């Protein structure tokens, strides 16, 4: 994500998002749209260098994957249907499998 510095005269990152601010990029992007055009490049390639070990436990991270979309829907950033279909159903499945010791999704 790339934004103009002046955007942050109007909006800030939401510090209430839990665990690494899960979905902060979607939050900022949707709120930024109120102030101008959002570009989208479907051919862009992104590599997210992550680690299976993080600062939070799998349980805390799973909590954020469930609750952050709910929080964003409650603030009006996400639509409830989008939250239920695209975020909660998949994240709940991943979290349950992870807690059960079967981390592969397929």
C-alpha atoms as a PDB file:
ATOM      1  CA  UNK A   1       0.000   0.000   0.000  1.00  0.00           C
ATOM      2  CA  UNK A   2       1.208   3.447  -0.843  1.00  0.00           C
ATOM      3  CA  UNK A   3      -0.556   6.651   0.193  1.00  0.00           C
ATOM      4  CA  UNK A   4       0.162  10.358   0.193  1.00  0.00           C
ATOM      5  CA  UNK A   5       1.299  11.780   3.502  1.00  0.00           C
ATOM      6  CA  UNK A   6      -1.541  14.329   3.377  1.00  0.00           C
ATOM      7  CA  UNK A   7      -4.075  11.508   3.770  1.00  0.00           C
ATOM      8  CA  UNK A   8      -3.018  11.218   7.407  1.00  0.00           C
ATOM      9  CA  UNK A   9      -4.231  14.776   7.993  1.00  0.00           C
ATOM     10  CA  UNK A  10      -7.718  13.224   7.686  1.00  0.00           C
ATOM     11  CA  UNK A  11      -7.436   9.647   8.946  1.00  0.00           C
ATOM     12  CA  UNK A  12      -5.204   7.673  11.282  1.00  0.00           C
ATOM     13  CA  UNK A  13      -4.527   4.005  11.896  1.00  0.00           C
ATOM     14  CA  UNK A  14      -7.098   2.551  14.276  1.00  0.00           C
ATOM     15  CA  UNK A  15      -5.223   1.597  17.428  1.00  0.00           C
ATOM     16  CA  UNK A  16      -8.173  -0.520  18.601  1.00  0.00           C
ATOM     17  CA  UNK A  17      -7.405  -3.266  16.065  1.00  0.00           C
ATOM     18  CA  UNK A  18      -5.904  -6.203  17.939  1.00  0.00           C
ATOM     19  CA  UNK A  19      -2.847  -8.364  17.268  1.00  0.00           C
ATOM     20  CA  UNK A  20      -0.565  -6.756  14.730  1.00  0.00           C
ATOM     21  CA  UNK A  21      -3.514  -4.571  13.708  1.00  0.00           C
ATOM     22  CA  UNK A  22      -4.942  -7.414  11.596  1.00  0.00           C
ATOM     23  CA  UNK A  23      -6.762  -5.847   8.569  1.00  0.00           C
ATOM     24  CA  UNK A  24      -5.393  -2.342   9.117  1.00  0.00           C
ATOM     25  CA  UNK A  25      -4.546  -2.148   5.402  1.00  0.00           C
ATOM     26  CA  UNK A  26      -8.167  -2.858   4.441  1.00  0.00           C
ATOM     27  CA  UNK A  27      -9.373  -0.382   7.065  1.00  0.00           C
ATOM     28  CA  UNK A  28      -7.112   2.436   5.832  1.00  0.00           C
ATOM     29  CA  UNK A  29      -7.876   1.661   2.189  1.00  0.00           C
ATOM     30  CA  UNK A  30     -11.645   1.769   2.645  1.00  0.00           C
ATOM     31  CA  UNK A  31     -11.520   4.952   4.703  1.00  0.00           C
ATOM     32  CA  UNK A  32      -9.011   6.574   2.300  1.00  0.00           C
ATOM     33  CA  UNK A  33     -11.460   6.087  -0.550  1.00  0.00           C
ATOM     34  CA  UNK A  34     -13.566   8.906   0.937  1.00  0.00           C
ATOM     35  CA  UNK A  35     -10.730  11.335   0.135  1.00  0.00           C
ATOM     36  CA  UNK A  36      -9.803  10.308  -3.394  1.00  0.00           C
ATOM     37  CA  UNK A  37      -9.283   7.608  -5.945  1.00  0.00           C
ATOM     38  CA  UNK A  38      -7.867   4.251  -4.928  1.00  0.00           C
ATOM     39  CA  UNK A  39      -5.658   2.533  -7.461  1.00  0.00           C
ATOM     40  CA  UNK A  40      -5.739  -1.207  -7.982  1.00  0.00           C
ATOM     41  CA  UNK A  41      -3.167  -3.241  -9.868  1.00  0.00           C
ATOM     42  CA  UNK A  42      -4.362  -6.838 -10.346  1.00  0.00           C
ATOM     43  CA  UNK A  43      -1.019  -7.869 -11.851  1.00  0.00           C
ATOM     44  CA  UNK A  44       0.994  -6.724  -8.844  1.00  0.00           C
ATOM     45  CA  UNK A  45       2.839  -9.413  -6.936  1.00  0.00           C
ATOM     46  CA  UNK A  46       3.210  -9.140  -3.192  1.00  0.00           C
ATOM     47  CA  UNK A  47       5.449 -11.244  -1.023  1.00  0.00           C
ATOM     48  CA  UNK A  48       4.653 -11.093   2.672  1.00  0.00           C
ATOM     49  CA  UNK A  49       7.635 -12.325   4.622  1.00  0.00           C
ATOM     50  CA  UNK A  50       6.132 -13.815   7.712  1.00  0.00           C
ATOM     51  CA  UNK A  51       7.019 -16.260  10.374  1.00  0.00           C
ATOM     52  CA  UNK A  52       5.080 -19.100  11.962  1.00  0.00           C
ATOM     53  CA  UNK A  53       6.329 -17.756  15.274  1.00  0.00           C
ATOM     54  CA  UNK A  54       5.181 -14.307  16.248  1.00  0.00           C
ATOM     55  CA  UNK A  55       4.824 -12.127  19.278  1.00  0.00           C
ATOM     56  CA  UNK A  56       1.335 -13.413  20.017  1.00  0.00           C
ATOM     57  CA  UNK A  57       0.122 -16.925  20.637  1.00  0.00           C
ATOM     58  CA  UNK A  58      -1.926 -18.668  17.961  1.00  0.00           C
ATOM     59  CA  UNK A  59      -4.973 -18.198  20.185  1.00  0.00           C
ATOM     60  CA  UNK A  60      -4.502 -14.400  20.402  1.00  0.00           C
ATOM     61  CA  UNK A  61      -3.848 -14.153  16.685  1.00  0.00           C
ATOM     62  CA  UNK A  62      -6.941 -16.277  15.980  1.00  0.00           C
ATOM     63  CA  UNK A  63      -8.944 -13.959  18.210  1.00  0.00           C
ATOM     64  CA  UNK A  64      -7.848 -10.978  16.101  1.00  0.00           C
ATOM     65  CA  UNK A  65      -8.740 -12.804  12.882  1.00  0.00           C
ATOM     66  CA  UNK A  66     -12.285 -13.207  14.181  1.00  0.00           C
ATOM     67  CA  UNK A  67     -12.833 -10.016  16.172  1.00  0.00           C
ATOM     68  CA  UNK A  68     -11.118  -7.407  13.981  1.00  0.00           C
ATOM     69  CA  UNK A  69     -13.528  -7.996  11.060  1.00  0.00           C
ATOM     70  CA  UNK A  70     -16.455  -7.824  13.504  1.00  0.00           C
ATOM     71  CA  UNK A  71     -15.100  -4.567  14.915  1.00  0.00           C
ATOM     72  CA  UNK A  72     -14.627  -3.089  11.418  1.00  0.00           C
ATOM     73  CA  UNK A  73     -18.197  -4.077  10.498  1.00  0.00           C
ATOM     74  CA  UNK A  74     -19.504  -2.456  13.689  1.00  0.00           C
ATOM     75  CA  UNK A  75     -17.756   0.816  12.732  1.00  0.00           C
ATOM     76  CA  UNK A  76     -19.168   0.731   9.198  1.00  0.00           C
ATOM     77  CA  UNK A  77     -15.818   0.175   7.465  1.00  0.00           C
ATOM     78  CA  UNK A  78     -16.853  -3.335   6.332  1.00  0.00           C
ATOM     79  CA  UNK A  79     -20.345  -4.429   5.347  1.00  0.00           C
ATOM     80  CA  UNK A  80     -21.736  -7.197   7.553  1.00  0.00           C
ATOM     81  CA  UNK A  81     -22.269  -9.528   4.576  1.00  0.00           C
ATOM     82  CA  UNK A  82     -18.660  -9.028   3.471  1.00  0.00           C
ATOM     83  CA  UNK A  83     -17.528  -9.701   7.020  1.00  0.00           C
ATOM     84  CA  UNK A  84     -19.504 -12.923   7.369  1.00  0.00           C
ATOM     85  CA  UNK A  85     -18.774 -14.335   3.926  1.00  0.00           C
ATOM     86  CA  UNK A  86     -15.201 -13.269   3.276  1.00  0.00           C
ATOM     87  CA  UNK A  87     -13.628 -12.915   6.690  1.00  0.00           C
ATOM     88  CA  UNK A  88     -15.350 -14.833   9.442  1.00  0.00           C
ATOM     89  CA  UNK A  89     -16.151 -18.098   7.709  1.00  0.00           C
ATOM     90  CA  UNK A  90     -12.617 -18.648   6.399  1.00  0.00           C
ATOM     91  CA  UNK A  91     -10.818 -17.287   9.473  1.00  0.00           C
ATOM     92  CA  UNK A  92     -12.957 -19.383  11.813  1.00  0.00           C
ATOM     93  CA  UNK A  93     -12.115 -22.525   9.841  1.00  0.00           C
ATOM     94  CA  UNK A  94      -8.395 -21.714   9.886  1.00  0.00           C
ATOM     95  CA  UNK A  95      -8.434 -20.917  13.607  1.00  0.00           C
ATOM     96  CA  UNK A  96     -10.325 -24.075  14.565  1.00  0.00           C
ATOM     97  CA  UNK A  97      -7.980 -26.245  12.493  1.00  0.00           C
ATOM     98  CA  UNK A  98      -4.941 -24.519  13.968  1.00  0.00           C
ATOM     99  CA  UNK A  99      -6.131 -25.005  17.540  1.00  0.00           C
ATOM    100  CA  UNK A 100      -6.911 -28.644  16.758  1.00  0.00           C
ATOM    101  CA  UNK A 101      -3.355 -29.134  15.479  1.00  0.00           C
ATOM    102  CA  UNK A 102      -4.290 -29.473  11.799  1.00  0.00           C
ATOM    103  CA  UNK A 103      -3.022 -26.223  10.348  1.00  0.00           C
ATOM    104  CA  UNK A 104      -3.433 -27.119   6.667  1.00  0.00           C
ATOM    105  CA  UNK A 105      -6.433 -25.665   4.873  1.00  0.00           C
ATOM    106  CA  UNK A 106      -7.697 -27.265   1.740  1.00  0.00           C
END
